[in-house]
Amino acid sequence: MTYNLGKYFGDEFTEEERIYYRRHYVESLKELVKICEEMKAEGVEFEWVDHPSIKKFQLPSIIPFVNWKIQAGSLPTSEELWLAQEDLWICREVLKAVRPINQAAATFTMRPGPNGTFVYSNLRWRIELDPKGLKLRPPVLKGKITNLSRQRVVLADAAFLFKSTADARPVEVRLGKINNLEAHGQVDPMTKVGDTVDFEQEEPGLKQVDADKGPIIQEKLTPATVAIKRIDAIQIPYSSHRTFKELEINYQVSPEPPKKPAEQPAEGGEPAAGGDPGGR
């Protein structure tokens, strides 16, 4: 029987473990860099910076980086290691949460349409596809595309990924190229909200599409079409005992106002107004 013994957050590390973590810390950043590179290919922008201690690759500025000060006879404490690792965990989970949001915005859902057509829709487009052209060789994509977004969109710049099956290689398709738009009287390639454009075009790269099920369509993510376009920082919106930075505030204390002098008895021994010597 084998037991895998881990650690709870805040547990102490041995000296060997602290040496190992510091030595392999840069390697642990590669997973986050890979995620950012994949998101960059999908249209998300980051600020990439150089670090003197990292010579093999650039690092997005959102990834927290600890430049361990290596001094003779000194090692990072267990708390410093836990906090550095916690930052990497939070950054990774935030990035993993952003990608599905962008993918969901680009994914089309399909339902049966009128006259046997397939109707695909996502947040930006509605595509009505005639299955008759899918039976031809090469396949012909024929139908209508409608702008569902809240802004004017250049249809010729929108790219779509068509797949005959879930495992097939996607084929990039641009529905309604500028020349097609001109042929249909749409000289302006900028589609307004609710505009519908007809398209009919051969796609030799799209093979073996099941005309009864229809292709799988997804919008290609670009800086212009991606939902979350840029990530500049990942920050905790509140201060904890580990993130709070004590501020040095210089202030001046105003002097106390002068006290009123005590009331003196009137001349002749008469008590001052407001009472007699007996306090009655």
Protein backbone atom coordinates (compact mmCIF):
# COMPACT_ATOMS: atom_id res chain seq x y z
CA MET A 1 0.00 0.00 0.00
CA THR A 2 1.32 3.44 -0.96
CA TYR A 3 0.40 6.75 0.64
CA ASN A 4 0.79 10.14 -1.03
CA LEU A 5 1.45 12.72 1.65
CA GLY A 6 0.92 16.34 0.69
CA LYS A 7 0.91 19.59 2.59
CA TYR A 8 -1.74 21.97 3.77
CA PHE A 9 -1.49 25.63 2.90
CA GLY A 10 0.90 27.26 5.33
CA ASP A 11 2.76 24.10 6.32
CA GLU A 12 6.49 24.43 6.75
CA PHE A 13 8.85 23.29 3.98
CA THR A 14 12.11 21.55 4.61
CA GLU A 15 15.34 23.20 3.57
CA GLU A 16 15.67 20.78 0.62
CA GLU A 17 12.13 21.63 -0.54
CA ARG A 18 12.79 25.36 -0.40
CA ILE A 19 15.98 24.94 -2.42
CA TYR A 20 14.12 22.81 -5.00
CA TYR A 21 11.21 25.26 -5.34
CA ARG A 22 13.47 28.26 -5.83
CA ARG A 23 15.55 26.39 -8.40
CA HIS A 24 12.54 25.25 -10.45
CA TYR A 25 10.33 28.31 -9.95
CA VAL A 26 10.86 29.64 -13.49
CA GLU A 27 9.87 26.24 -14.93
CA SER A 28 6.54 26.45 -13.13
CA LEU A 29 5.75 29.66 -15.07
CA LYS A 30 5.75 27.87 -18.43
CA GLU A 31 2.24 26.48 -17.96
CA LEU A 32 0.85 30.01 -17.57
CA VAL A 33 2.90 31.30 -20.49
CA LYS A 34 1.50 28.52 -22.69
CA ILE A 35 -2.08 29.43 -21.74
CA CYS A 36 -1.41 33.09 -22.55
CA GLU A 37 0.13 32.19 -25.91
CA GLU A 38 -2.94 30.11 -26.81
CA MET A 39 -5.22 32.99 -25.78
CA LYS A 40 -3.08 35.40 -27.81
CA ALA A 41 -3.71 33.23 -30.89
CA GLU A 42 -7.43 33.60 -30.13
CA GLY A 43 -7.26 37.40 -30.15
CA VAL A 44 -6.63 38.25 -26.48
CA GLU A 45 -3.91 40.84 -25.96
CA PHE A 46 -1.35 40.90 -23.15
CA GLU A 47 1.62 43.09 -22.36
CA TRP A 48 4.72 40.94 -22.77
CA VAL A 49 7.80 41.95 -20.80
CA ASP A 50 11.39 40.79 -20.47
CA HIS A 51 12.93 39.75 -17.18
CA PRO A 52 16.70 39.65 -16.77
CA SER A 53 16.51 36.33 -14.93
CA ILE A 54 14.37 34.71 -17.67
CA LYS A 55 16.31 34.41 -20.90
CA LYS A 56 14.32 31.75 -22.74
CA PHE A 57 10.93 33.43 -23.05
CA GLN A 58 8.94 36.60 -22.42
CA LEU A 59 6.47 36.81 -19.60
CA PRO A 60 3.02 38.45 -19.71
CA SER A 61 2.84 41.26 -17.19
CA ILE A 62 -0.23 39.71 -15.53
CA ILE A 63 1.80 36.71 -14.35
CA PRO A 64 3.20 37.43 -10.91
CA PHE A 65 6.95 36.93 -10.85
CA VAL A 66 9.19 36.69 -7.81
CA ASN A 67 12.83 37.47 -8.41
CA TRP A 68 14.35 35.49 -5.57
CA LYS A 69 17.35 37.28 -4.10
CA ILE A 70 20.00 34.62 -3.82
CA GLN A 71 22.33 35.44 -1.00
CA ALA A 72 24.90 33.29 0.67
CA GLY A 73 23.31 31.23 3.43
CA SER A 74 19.75 32.57 2.83
CA LEU A 75 16.64 30.82 1.52
CA PRO A 76 13.07 32.02 0.98
CA THR A 77 10.81 31.26 3.91
CA SER A 78 7.95 28.78 3.73
CA GLU A 79 5.46 31.65 3.78
CA GLU A 80 7.19 33.32 0.83
CA LEU A 81 6.97 30.08 -1.16
CA TRP A 82 3.29 29.61 -0.34
CA LEU A 83 2.43 33.20 -1.33
CA ALA A 84 4.36 32.88 -4.61
CA GLN A 85 2.57 29.63 -5.44
CA GLU A 86 -0.80 31.07 -4.44
CA ASP A 87 -0.32 33.91 -6.93
CA LEU A 88 0.36 31.38 -9.70
CA TRP A 89 -2.72 29.33 -8.79
CA ILE A 90 -5.00 32.38 -8.84
CA CYS A 91 -3.59 33.58 -12.16
CA ARG A 92 -4.03 30.15 -13.73
CA GLU A 93 -7.64 29.78 -12.61
CA VAL A 94 -8.58 33.27 -13.84
CA LEU A 95 -7.08 32.56 -17.26
CA LYS A 96 -8.84 29.18 -17.40
CA ALA A 97 -12.13 30.95 -16.63
CA VAL A 98 -11.67 33.57 -19.36
CA ARG A 99 -11.11 31.12 -22.22
CA PRO A 100 -14.54 29.41 -21.97
CA ILE A 101 -16.21 32.84 -21.99
CA ASN A 102 -14.58 33.70 -25.30
CA GLN A 103 -15.24 30.23 -26.71
CA ALA A 104 -18.90 30.41 -25.70
CA ALA A 105 -19.28 33.76 -27.47
CA ALA A 106 -17.84 32.25 -30.67
CA THR A 107 -19.73 28.93 -30.62
CA PHE A 108 -22.84 28.54 -32.77
CA THR A 109 -25.88 26.59 -31.68
CA MET A 110 -27.86 24.87 -34.43
CA ARG A 111 -31.59 24.23 -34.76
CA PRO A 112 -33.82 23.17 -37.65
CA GLY A 113 -35.05 26.10 -39.72
CA PRO A 114 -37.83 26.68 -42.25
CA ASN A 115 -37.92 24.61 -45.46
CA GLY A 116 -35.36 22.12 -44.14
CA THR A 117 -32.61 24.68 -43.55
CA PHE A 118 -30.13 24.73 -40.69
CA VAL A 119 -30.16 27.84 -38.51
CA TYR A 120 -26.96 28.65 -36.60
CA SER A 121 -26.66 31.51 -34.12
CA ASN A 122 -24.22 33.00 -31.63
CA LEU A 123 -23.97 36.43 -29.99
CA ARG A 124 -23.00 38.18 -33.24
CA TRP A 125 -24.45 36.26 -36.19
CA ARG A 126 -27.39 34.23 -37.41
CA ILE A 127 -26.64 31.92 -40.35
CA GLU A 128 -29.40 30.17 -42.30
CA LEU A 129 -27.82 27.42 -44.41
CA ASP A 130 -29.47 25.54 -47.27
CA PRO A 131 -28.48 21.83 -47.05
CA LYS A 132 -28.98 21.23 -50.78
CA GLY A 133 -25.64 22.78 -51.67
CA LEU A 134 -23.84 20.48 -49.20
CA LYS A 135 -24.58 17.48 -51.43
CA LEU A 136 -22.71 18.98 -54.37
CA ARG A 137 -19.02 18.36 -55.13
CA PRO A 138 -17.39 20.62 -54.28
CA PRO A 139 -19.86 21.71 -51.59
CA VAL A 140 -21.68 24.98 -52.08
CA LEU A 141 -22.54 27.12 -49.07
CA LYS A 142 -25.77 28.91 -49.80
CA GLY A 143 -27.93 30.87 -47.42
CA LYS A 144 -28.28 34.10 -45.44
CA ILE A 145 -26.27 35.70 -42.68
CA THR A 146 -27.68 38.33 -40.31
CA ASN A 147 -25.83 40.72 -38.05
CA LEU A 148 -27.16 40.25 -34.49
CA SER A 149 -24.57 42.36 -32.72
CA ARG A 150 -25.12 45.84 -31.35
CA GLN A 151 -22.70 47.49 -33.74
CA ARG A 152 -21.79 47.71 -37.40
CA VAL A 153 -19.54 44.83 -38.42
CA VAL A 154 -17.35 44.34 -41.48
CA LEU A 155 -18.71 41.04 -42.75
CA ALA A 156 -15.74 40.50 -45.05
CA ASP A 157 -13.44 40.50 -42.01
CA ALA A 158 -15.46 37.91 -40.10
CA ALA A 159 -14.03 34.39 -40.37
CA PHE A 160 -15.85 31.17 -39.56
CA LEU A 161 -14.51 27.67 -38.92
CA PHE A 162 -16.53 24.91 -40.61
CA LYS A 163 -16.07 21.24 -39.71
CA SER A 164 -17.79 18.29 -41.37
CA THR A 165 -17.59 16.29 -38.11
CA ALA A 166 -16.43 16.98 -34.57
CA ASP A 167 -13.08 15.28 -35.24
CA ALA A 168 -12.49 16.82 -38.66
CA ARG A 169 -9.98 19.56 -39.34
CA PRO A 170 -11.66 22.99 -39.41
CA VAL A 171 -11.80 24.93 -42.66
CA GLU A 172 -11.71 28.72 -42.50
CA VAL A 173 -14.57 30.26 -44.45
CA ARG A 174 -15.47 33.90 -45.07
CA LEU A 175 -19.15 34.25 -45.85
CA GLY A 176 -20.12 37.09 -48.16
CA LYS A 177 -16.83 38.40 -49.48
CA ILE A 178 -16.77 41.99 -50.73
CA ASN A 179 -17.32 40.96 -54.35
CA ASN A 180 -20.32 38.87 -53.31
CA LEU A 181 -21.72 41.82 -51.41
CA GLU A 182 -21.41 44.02 -54.48
CA ALA A 183 -23.13 41.33 -56.57
CA HIS A 184 -26.09 41.41 -54.19
CA GLY A 185 -26.33 45.18 -54.13
CA GLN A 186 -24.52 45.51 -50.80
CA VAL A 187 -21.70 47.81 -51.88
CA ASP A 188 -21.01 48.78 -48.25
CA PRO A 189 -19.28 45.79 -46.62
CA MET A 190 -20.11 47.19 -43.18
CA THR A 191 -23.29 45.43 -42.05
CA LYS A 192 -25.55 47.30 -39.68
CA VAL A 193 -27.53 45.77 -36.84
CA GLY A 194 -30.19 43.49 -38.34
CA ASP A 195 -28.75 43.54 -41.87
CA THR A 196 -29.13 40.27 -43.78
CA VAL A 197 -26.83 39.34 -46.67
CA ASP A 198 -27.28 36.41 -49.08
CA PHE A 199 -24.24 34.25 -49.88
CA GLU A 200 -23.52 31.44 -52.30
CA GLN A 201 -19.96 30.20 -52.67
CA GLU A 202 -18.04 27.01 -53.35
CA GLU A 203 -15.80 25.64 -50.59
CA PRO A 204 -13.56 22.86 -51.99
CA GLY A 205 -11.81 22.41 -48.64
CA LEU A 206 -15.02 21.38 -46.94
CA LYS A 207 -15.45 17.68 -47.65
CA GLN A 208 -17.87 14.91 -46.68
CA VAL A 209 -20.42 17.10 -44.95
CA ASP A 210 -23.51 15.21 -43.81
CA ALA A 211 -26.38 17.08 -45.48
CA ASP A 212 -28.83 15.63 -42.95
CA LYS A 213 -26.90 16.89 -39.90
CA GLY A 214 -25.14 19.94 -41.26
CA PRO A 215 -21.62 21.17 -40.53
CA ILE A 216 -20.29 22.36 -37.19
CA ILE A 217 -19.64 26.12 -37.22
CA GLN A 218 -17.62 28.30 -34.90
CA GLU A 219 -16.57 31.91 -35.34
CA LYS A 220 -12.83 32.39 -35.50
CA LEU A 221 -11.64 34.53 -32.63
CA THR A 222 -9.66 37.64 -33.57
CA PRO A 223 -8.86 40.86 -31.70
CA ALA A 224 -11.96 42.36 -33.35
CA THR A 225 -14.37 39.52 -32.50
CA VAL A 226 -13.15 38.14 -29.17
CA ALA A 227 -15.37 38.96 -26.17
CA ILE A 228 -12.59 39.67 -23.66
CA LYS A 229 -10.04 41.50 -25.76
CA ARG A 230 -7.29 42.39 -23.30
CA ILE A 231 -6.12 41.51 -19.79
CA ASP A 232 -3.81 44.03 -18.15
CA ALA A 233 -3.85 42.91 -14.53
CA ILE A 234 -5.27 40.33 -12.14
CA GLN A 235 -5.84 41.89 -8.74
CA ILE A 236 -7.67 41.00 -5.57
CA PRO A 237 -10.43 43.61 -5.05
CA TYR A 238 -9.89 43.79 -1.30
CA SER A 239 -6.97 43.88 1.10
CA SER A 240 -6.10 40.98 3.36
CA HIS A 241 -3.48 40.66 6.04
CA ARG A 242 -1.07 39.47 3.33
CA THR A 243 -1.83 42.04 0.62
CA PHE A 244 -2.43 45.21 2.65
CA LYS A 245 0.36 47.73 2.32
CA GLU A 246 0.70 50.03 5.25
CA LEU A 247 0.70 53.66 4.18
CA GLU A 248 2.71 56.31 5.92
CA ILE A 249 0.42 59.26 6.38
CA ASN A 250 1.83 62.61 7.48
CA TYR A 251 -0.68 64.83 9.19
CA GLN A 252 -0.67 67.77 11.56
CA VAL A 253 -2.70 67.98 14.73
CA SER A 254 -4.44 71.34 15.10
CA PRO A 255 -3.81 73.03 18.43
CA GLU A 256 -6.63 72.86 20.96
CA PRO A 257 -8.80 75.97 21.14
CA PRO A 258 -8.04 78.24 24.12
CA LYS A 259 -10.12 77.58 27.22
CA LYS A 260 -12.50 80.21 28.45
CA PRO A 261 -11.26 81.97 31.57
CA ALA A 262 -13.20 81.22 34.75
CA GLU A 263 -15.84 83.78 35.60
CA GLN A 264 -14.80 86.12 38.39
CA PRO A 265 -17.14 87.55 41.07
CA ALA A 266 -18.34 91.07 40.48
CA GLU A 267 -16.91 93.98 42.50
CA GLY A 268 -18.29 94.34 45.99
CA GLY A 269 -18.50 90.63 46.59
CA GLU A 270 -21.63 90.20 44.55
CA PRO A 271 -21.79 86.77 42.87
CA ALA A 272 -21.57 86.56 39.14
CA ALA A 273 -24.76 86.18 37.15
CA GLY A 274 -26.20 82.72 37.02
CA GLY A 275 -26.15 81.63 40.69
CA ASP A 276 -25.33 82.40 44.28
CA PRO A 277 -22.39 81.20 46.34
CA GLY A 278 -24.46 78.37 47.69
CA GLY A 279 -25.05 76.96 44.29
CA ARG A 280 -28.85 77.34 44.56
